């Protein structure tokens, strides 16, 4: 899944990072966008103390992944996203509001390489 928020954030990234999206096959790209429900869930993460308003976009990423039923949210952001204590709060909020729990991992944990298959 590729959110409009991710596209927006990539505008400020190095060219080599921006071009990673082009490596994905078009049939594997699912576009998703921020809507009122996503905003409300993100605000709940902040209200419950998982994040502060400074990390509003991080809350939006987690809400997008939750509401669009992503199998896994991949991130290198260890401070605000791939953080066990924060993940517990995100999932607590999700369960309290009737949403499913979200799985959050680093890209390294979810990308299969040929070496993984032989171990």
N, C-alpha and C. Protein backbone atom coordinates (compact mmCIF):
# COMPACT_ATOMS: atom_id res chain seq x y z
N UNK A 1 0.84 -1.18 0.00
CA UNK A 1 0.00 0.00 0.00
C UNK A 1 0.88 1.23 0.00
N UNK A 2 0.44 2.22 -0.71
CA UNK A 2 1.20 3.44 -0.85
C UNK A 2 0.26 4.61 -0.62
N UNK A 3 0.44 5.29 0.50
CA UNK A 3 -0.47 6.37 0.85
C UNK A 3 -0.06 7.69 0.22
N UNK A 4 -1.04 8.56 0.08
CA UNK A 4 -0.75 9.91 -0.40
C UNK A 4 0.20 10.62 0.57
N UNK A 5 0.13 10.28 1.84
CA UNK A 5 1.02 10.85 2.84
C UNK A 5 2.47 10.44 2.58
N UNK A 6 2.68 9.18 2.24
CA UNK A 6 4.03 8.69 1.93
C UNK A 6 4.58 9.40 0.70
N UNK A 7 3.77 9.52 -0.33
CA UNK A 7 4.18 10.21 -1.55
C UNK A 7 4.60 11.65 -1.21
N UNK A 8 3.81 12.30 -0.40
CA UNK A 8 4.10 13.69 0.00
C UNK A 8 5.43 13.76 0.74
N UNK A 9 5.66 12.85 1.67
CA UNK A 9 6.90 12.86 2.44
C UNK A 9 8.12 12.54 1.57
N UNK A 10 7.94 11.71 0.57
CA UNK A 10 9.05 11.34 -0.30
C UNK A 10 9.53 12.49 -1.18
N UNK A 11 8.72 13.49 -1.34
CA UNK A 11 9.13 14.65 -2.14
C UNK A 11 10.39 15.30 -1.56
N UNK A 12 10.62 15.14 -0.28
CA UNK A 12 11.77 15.76 0.39
C UNK A 12 12.94 14.79 0.57
N UNK A 13 12.77 13.56 0.11
CA UNK A 13 13.81 12.54 0.28
C UNK A 13 14.85 12.63 -0.84
N UNK A 14 15.97 11.97 -0.61
CA UNK A 14 16.99 11.87 -1.65
C UNK A 14 16.41 11.16 -2.87
N UNK A 15 16.94 11.47 -4.03
CA UNK A 15 16.42 10.90 -5.28
C UNK A 15 16.44 9.37 -5.26
N UNK A 16 17.50 8.78 -4.73
CA UNK A 16 17.60 7.32 -4.69
C UNK A 16 16.48 6.71 -3.85
N UNK A 17 16.05 7.41 -2.82
CA UNK A 17 14.94 6.94 -1.99
C UNK A 17 13.62 7.12 -2.74
N UNK A 18 13.43 8.28 -3.34
CA UNK A 18 12.20 8.54 -4.12
C UNK A 18 12.02 7.51 -5.22
N UNK A 19 13.11 7.09 -5.84
CA UNK A 19 13.03 6.16 -6.96
C UNK A 19 12.69 4.73 -6.54
N UNK A 20 12.78 4.43 -5.26
CA UNK A 20 12.43 3.07 -4.79
C UNK A 20 10.99 2.71 -5.17
N UNK A 21 10.11 3.67 -5.18
CA UNK A 21 8.71 3.41 -5.53
C UNK A 21 8.61 2.88 -6.96
N UNK A 22 9.48 3.36 -7.84
CA UNK A 22 9.45 2.92 -9.23
C UNK A 22 9.87 1.47 -9.40
N UNK A 23 10.51 0.90 -8.38
CA UNK A 23 10.92 -0.49 -8.43
C UNK A 23 9.76 -1.45 -8.17
N UNK A 24 8.66 -0.92 -7.64
CA UNK A 24 7.50 -1.75 -7.37
C UNK A 24 6.69 -1.96 -8.65
N UNK A 25 6.25 -3.17 -8.86
CA UNK A 25 5.39 -3.46 -10.01
C UNK A 25 4.07 -2.74 -9.81
N UNK A 26 3.55 -2.18 -10.88
CA UNK A 26 2.31 -1.39 -10.81
C UNK A 26 1.16 -2.21 -10.21
N UNK A 27 1.12 -3.49 -10.50
CA UNK A 27 0.03 -4.33 -9.97
C UNK A 27 0.16 -4.55 -8.47
N UNK A 28 1.33 -4.23 -7.91
CA UNK A 28 1.54 -4.38 -6.47
C UNK A 28 1.33 -3.09 -5.70
N UNK A 29 1.00 -2.02 -6.40
CA UNK A 29 0.78 -0.73 -5.74
C UNK A 29 -0.71 -0.52 -5.51
N UNK A 30 -1.06 -0.32 -4.26
CA UNK A 30 -2.43 -0.02 -3.88
C UNK A 30 -2.42 1.36 -3.26
N UNK A 31 -3.08 2.30 -3.89
CA UNK A 31 -3.09 3.67 -3.39
C UNK A 31 -4.16 3.83 -2.32
N UNK A 32 -3.77 4.46 -1.22
CA UNK A 32 -4.71 4.74 -0.13
C UNK A 32 -4.55 6.19 0.27
N UNK A 33 -5.58 6.75 0.90
CA UNK A 33 -5.52 8.16 1.25
C UNK A 33 -6.10 8.47 2.61
N UNK A 34 -5.71 9.61 3.11
CA UNK A 34 -6.19 10.10 4.40
C UNK A 34 -7.63 10.55 4.25
N UNK A 35 -8.46 10.16 5.20
CA UNK A 35 -9.85 10.59 5.24
C UNK A 35 -10.21 10.92 6.69
N UNK A 36 -11.47 11.27 6.93
CA UNK A 36 -11.89 11.68 8.28
C UNK A 36 -11.69 10.58 9.32
N UNK A 37 -11.94 9.33 8.95
CA UNK A 37 -11.78 8.23 9.90
C UNK A 37 -10.30 8.05 10.28
N UNK A 38 -9.42 8.19 9.29
CA UNK A 38 -7.99 8.08 9.54
C UNK A 38 -7.55 9.20 10.50
N UNK A 39 -8.00 10.41 10.23
CA UNK A 39 -7.64 11.56 11.08
C UNK A 39 -8.12 11.34 12.51
N UNK A 40 -9.34 10.86 12.66
CA UNK A 40 -9.89 10.64 13.99
C UNK A 40 -9.09 9.58 14.75
N UNK A 41 -8.72 8.50 14.08
CA UNK A 41 -7.94 7.45 14.74
C UNK A 41 -6.55 7.99 15.12
N UNK A 42 -5.92 8.72 14.22
CA UNK A 42 -4.61 9.30 14.51
C UNK A 42 -4.69 10.22 15.73
N UNK A 43 -5.74 11.00 15.80
CA UNK A 43 -5.91 11.90 16.95
C UNK A 43 -6.12 11.12 18.24
N UNK A 44 -6.75 9.95 18.15
CA UNK A 44 -6.91 9.10 19.33
C UNK A 44 -5.56 8.59 19.82
N UNK A 45 -4.66 8.23 18.89
CA UNK A 45 -3.33 7.79 19.31
C UNK A 45 -2.64 8.91 20.10
N UNK A 46 -2.81 10.13 19.64
CA UNK A 46 -2.18 11.27 20.32
C UNK A 46 -2.85 11.53 21.67
N UNK A 47 -4.17 11.50 21.70
CA UNK A 47 -4.91 11.71 22.95
C UNK A 47 -4.54 10.68 24.00
N UNK A 48 -4.32 9.45 23.58
CA UNK A 48 -3.97 8.37 24.51
C UNK A 48 -2.49 8.35 24.89
N UNK A 49 -1.71 9.28 24.32
CA UNK A 49 -0.32 9.42 24.73
C UNK A 49 0.70 8.59 23.97
N UNK A 50 0.29 7.93 22.89
CA UNK A 50 1.27 7.17 22.11
C UNK A 50 2.25 8.10 21.42
N UNK A 51 1.77 9.26 21.01
CA UNK A 51 2.58 10.25 20.31
C UNK A 51 2.13 11.65 20.73
N UNK A 52 2.91 12.64 20.32
CA UNK A 52 2.51 14.03 20.53
C UNK A 52 2.11 14.62 19.18
N UNK A 53 1.59 15.82 19.22
CA UNK A 53 1.20 16.50 17.98
C UNK A 53 2.38 16.68 17.03
N UNK A 54 3.59 16.74 17.55
CA UNK A 54 4.78 16.87 16.70
C UNK A 54 4.92 15.66 15.77
N UNK A 55 4.38 14.53 16.17
CA UNK A 55 4.49 13.29 15.40
C UNK A 55 3.16 12.93 14.73
N UNK A 56 2.41 13.96 14.38
CA UNK A 56 1.08 13.75 13.81
C UNK A 56 1.12 12.88 12.55
N UNK A 57 2.09 13.11 11.66
CA UNK A 57 2.17 12.29 10.44
C UNK A 57 2.44 10.83 10.76
N UNK A 58 3.22 10.56 11.80
CA UNK A 58 3.46 9.18 12.21
C UNK A 58 2.15 8.53 12.65
N UNK A 59 1.35 9.28 13.39
CA UNK A 59 0.04 8.76 13.81
C UNK A 59 -0.84 8.48 12.60
N UNK A 60 -0.76 9.36 11.60
CA UNK A 60 -1.54 9.13 10.37
C UNK A 60 -1.09 7.85 9.66
N UNK A 61 0.20 7.61 9.59
CA UNK A 61 0.71 6.38 8.95
C UNK A 61 0.14 5.14 9.64
N UNK A 62 0.14 5.15 10.95
CA UNK A 62 -0.34 3.99 11.70
C UNK A 62 -1.85 3.84 11.50
N UNK A 63 -2.57 4.94 11.52
CA UNK A 63 -4.02 4.88 11.30
C UNK A 63 -4.33 4.39 9.89
N UNK A 64 -3.60 4.85 8.90
CA UNK A 64 -3.80 4.38 7.52
C UNK A 64 -3.60 2.87 7.43
N UNK A 65 -2.51 2.38 7.99
CA UNK A 65 -2.23 0.94 7.95
C UNK A 65 -3.32 0.15 8.67
N UNK A 66 -3.79 0.67 9.78
CA UNK A 66 -4.85 -0.01 10.54
C UNK A 66 -6.14 -0.05 9.75
N UNK A 67 -6.58 1.10 9.27
CA UNK A 67 -7.90 1.18 8.63
C UNK A 67 -7.95 0.55 7.26
N UNK A 68 -6.82 0.47 6.58
CA UNK A 68 -6.79 -0.17 5.26
C UNK A 68 -6.33 -1.62 5.36
N UNK A 69 -6.27 -2.13 6.59
CA UNK A 69 -5.97 -3.54 6.86
C UNK A 69 -4.65 -4.02 6.27
N UNK A 70 -3.61 -3.22 6.42
CA UNK A 70 -2.29 -3.64 5.98
C UNK A 70 -1.85 -4.85 6.80
N UNK A 71 -1.22 -5.80 6.15
CA UNK A 71 -0.70 -6.96 6.88
C UNK A 71 0.37 -6.53 7.87
N UNK A 72 1.24 -5.63 7.42
CA UNK A 72 2.34 -5.14 8.25
C UNK A 72 2.64 -3.70 7.85
N UNK A 73 2.94 -2.88 8.82
CA UNK A 73 3.45 -1.54 8.56
C UNK A 73 4.97 -1.61 8.73
N UNK A 74 5.70 -1.28 7.67
CA UNK A 74 7.16 -1.31 7.71
C UNK A 74 7.70 0.09 7.89
N UNK A 75 8.65 0.24 8.80
CA UNK A 75 9.22 1.55 9.06
C UNK A 75 10.61 1.41 9.65
N UNK A 76 11.45 2.43 9.39
CA UNK A 76 12.74 2.54 10.04
C UNK A 76 12.67 3.52 11.20
N UNK A 77 11.49 4.06 11.48
CA UNK A 77 11.33 5.06 12.54
C UNK A 77 11.20 4.35 13.89
N UNK A 78 12.33 4.17 14.56
CA UNK A 78 12.34 3.44 15.83
C UNK A 78 11.83 4.28 16.99
N UNK A 79 11.88 5.57 16.87
CA UNK A 79 11.45 6.43 17.97
C UNK A 79 9.92 6.47 18.09
N UNK A 80 9.23 6.60 16.97
CA UNK A 80 7.79 6.82 17.03
C UNK A 80 6.93 5.67 16.50
N UNK A 81 7.49 4.81 15.68
CA UNK A 81 6.65 3.78 15.05
C UNK A 81 7.07 2.38 15.47
N UNK A 82 8.29 1.96 15.18
CA UNK A 82 8.76 0.62 15.53
C UNK A 82 9.31 0.67 16.95
N UNK A 83 8.39 0.77 17.89
CA UNK A 83 8.74 0.96 19.30
C UNK A 83 7.71 0.18 20.11
N UNK A 84 8.15 -0.84 20.82
CA UNK A 84 7.24 -1.77 21.49
C UNK A 84 6.27 -1.08 22.43
N UNK A 85 6.73 -0.09 23.17
CA UNK A 85 5.83 0.59 24.10
C UNK A 85 4.76 1.38 23.37
N UNK A 86 5.13 2.02 22.28
CA UNK A 86 4.15 2.77 21.49
C UNK A 86 3.20 1.81 20.75
N UNK A 87 3.74 0.72 20.25
CA UNK A 87 2.90 -0.27 19.55
C UNK A 87 1.82 -0.79 20.48
N UNK A 88 2.15 -0.99 21.73
CA UNK A 88 1.15 -1.44 22.71
C UNK A 88 0.03 -0.41 22.86
N UNK A 89 0.37 0.86 22.84
CA UNK A 89 -0.66 1.90 22.94
C UNK A 89 -1.50 1.95 21.66
N UNK A 90 -0.83 1.89 20.49
CA UNK A 90 -1.59 1.88 19.23
C UNK A 90 -2.61 0.74 19.24
N UNK A 91 -2.16 -0.44 19.63
CA UNK A 91 -3.06 -1.59 19.62
C UNK A 91 -4.12 -1.50 20.70
N UNK A 92 -3.80 -0.91 21.82
CA UNK A 92 -4.80 -0.69 22.87
C UNK A 92 -5.91 0.22 22.35
N UNK A 93 -5.52 1.31 21.70
CA UNK A 93 -6.50 2.23 21.11
C UNK A 93 -7.31 1.51 20.04
N UNK A 94 -6.64 0.76 19.19
CA UNK A 94 -7.35 0.04 18.12
C UNK A 94 -8.40 -0.90 18.70
N UNK A 95 -8.02 -1.68 19.68
CA UNK A 95 -8.96 -2.64 20.27
C UNK A 95 -10.11 -1.92 20.97
N UNK A 96 -9.80 -0.85 21.69
CA UNK A 96 -10.84 -0.09 22.39
C UNK A 96 -11.87 0.49 21.42
N UNK A 97 -11.41 0.86 20.22
CA UNK A 97 -12.31 1.46 19.23
C UNK A 97 -12.88 0.45 18.24
N UNK A 98 -12.57 -0.82 18.44
CA UNK A 98 -13.14 -1.87 17.59
C UNK A 98 -12.36 -2.16 16.32
N UNK A 99 -11.13 -1.70 16.26
CA UNK A 99 -10.28 -1.99 15.10
C UNK A 99 -9.36 -3.16 15.43
N UNK A 100 -8.76 -3.71 14.41
CA UNK A 100 -7.84 -4.83 14.62
C UNK A 100 -6.47 -4.32 15.07
N UNK A 101 -5.69 -5.22 15.63
CA UNK A 101 -4.33 -4.87 16.03
C UNK A 101 -3.47 -4.70 14.79
N UNK A 102 -2.43 -3.89 14.90
CA UNK A 102 -1.53 -3.64 13.78
C UNK A 102 -0.17 -4.26 14.06
N UNK A 103 0.39 -4.89 13.06
CA UNK A 103 1.73 -5.47 13.13
C UNK A 103 2.70 -4.43 12.57
N UNK A 104 3.73 -4.09 13.33
CA UNK A 104 4.70 -3.09 12.90
C UNK A 104 6.10 -3.70 12.99
N UNK A 105 6.83 -3.64 11.89
CA UNK A 105 8.16 -4.23 11.79
C UNK A 105 9.09 -3.33 10.99
N UNK A 106 10.37 -3.66 11.01
CA UNK A 106 11.32 -2.97 10.13
C UNK A 106 11.24 -3.63 8.75
N UNK A 107 11.60 -2.91 7.70
CA UNK A 107 11.62 -3.52 6.36
C UNK A 107 12.50 -4.76 6.31
N UNK A 108 13.62 -4.74 7.02
CA UNK A 108 14.53 -5.89 7.02
C UNK A 108 13.84 -7.15 7.53
N UNK A 109 12.90 -6.99 8.45
CA UNK A 109 12.21 -8.16 9.01
C UNK A 109 11.20 -8.78 8.05
N UNK A 110 10.76 -8.03 7.06
CA UNK A 110 9.69 -8.55 6.20
C UNK A 110 10.11 -8.80 4.76
N UNK A 111 11.29 -8.34 4.37
CA UNK A 111 11.73 -8.54 2.99
C UNK A 111 12.44 -9.88 2.89
N UNK A 112 11.97 -10.71 1.96
CA UNK A 112 12.60 -12.00 1.73
C UNK A 112 13.78 -11.84 0.78
N UNK A 113 14.88 -12.45 1.13
CA UNK A 113 16.02 -12.49 0.23
C UNK A 113 16.34 -13.96 -0.04
N UNK A 114 17.10 -14.19 -1.06
CA UNK A 114 17.42 -15.59 -1.40
C UNK A 114 18.16 -16.28 -0.26
N UNK A 115 18.92 -15.54 0.54
CA UNK A 115 19.64 -16.14 1.67
C UNK A 115 18.68 -16.62 2.75
N UNK A 116 17.54 -15.95 2.91
CA UNK A 116 16.58 -16.34 3.92
C UNK A 116 16.04 -17.75 3.68
N UNK A 117 15.90 -18.12 2.43
CA UNK A 117 15.29 -19.39 2.08
C UNK A 117 16.20 -20.57 2.40
N UNK A 118 17.52 -20.34 2.45
CA UNK A 118 18.45 -21.44 2.68
C UNK A 118 18.76 -21.65 4.15
N UNK A 119 18.38 -20.73 4.99
CA UNK A 119 18.68 -20.87 6.42
C UNK A 119 17.65 -21.65 7.14
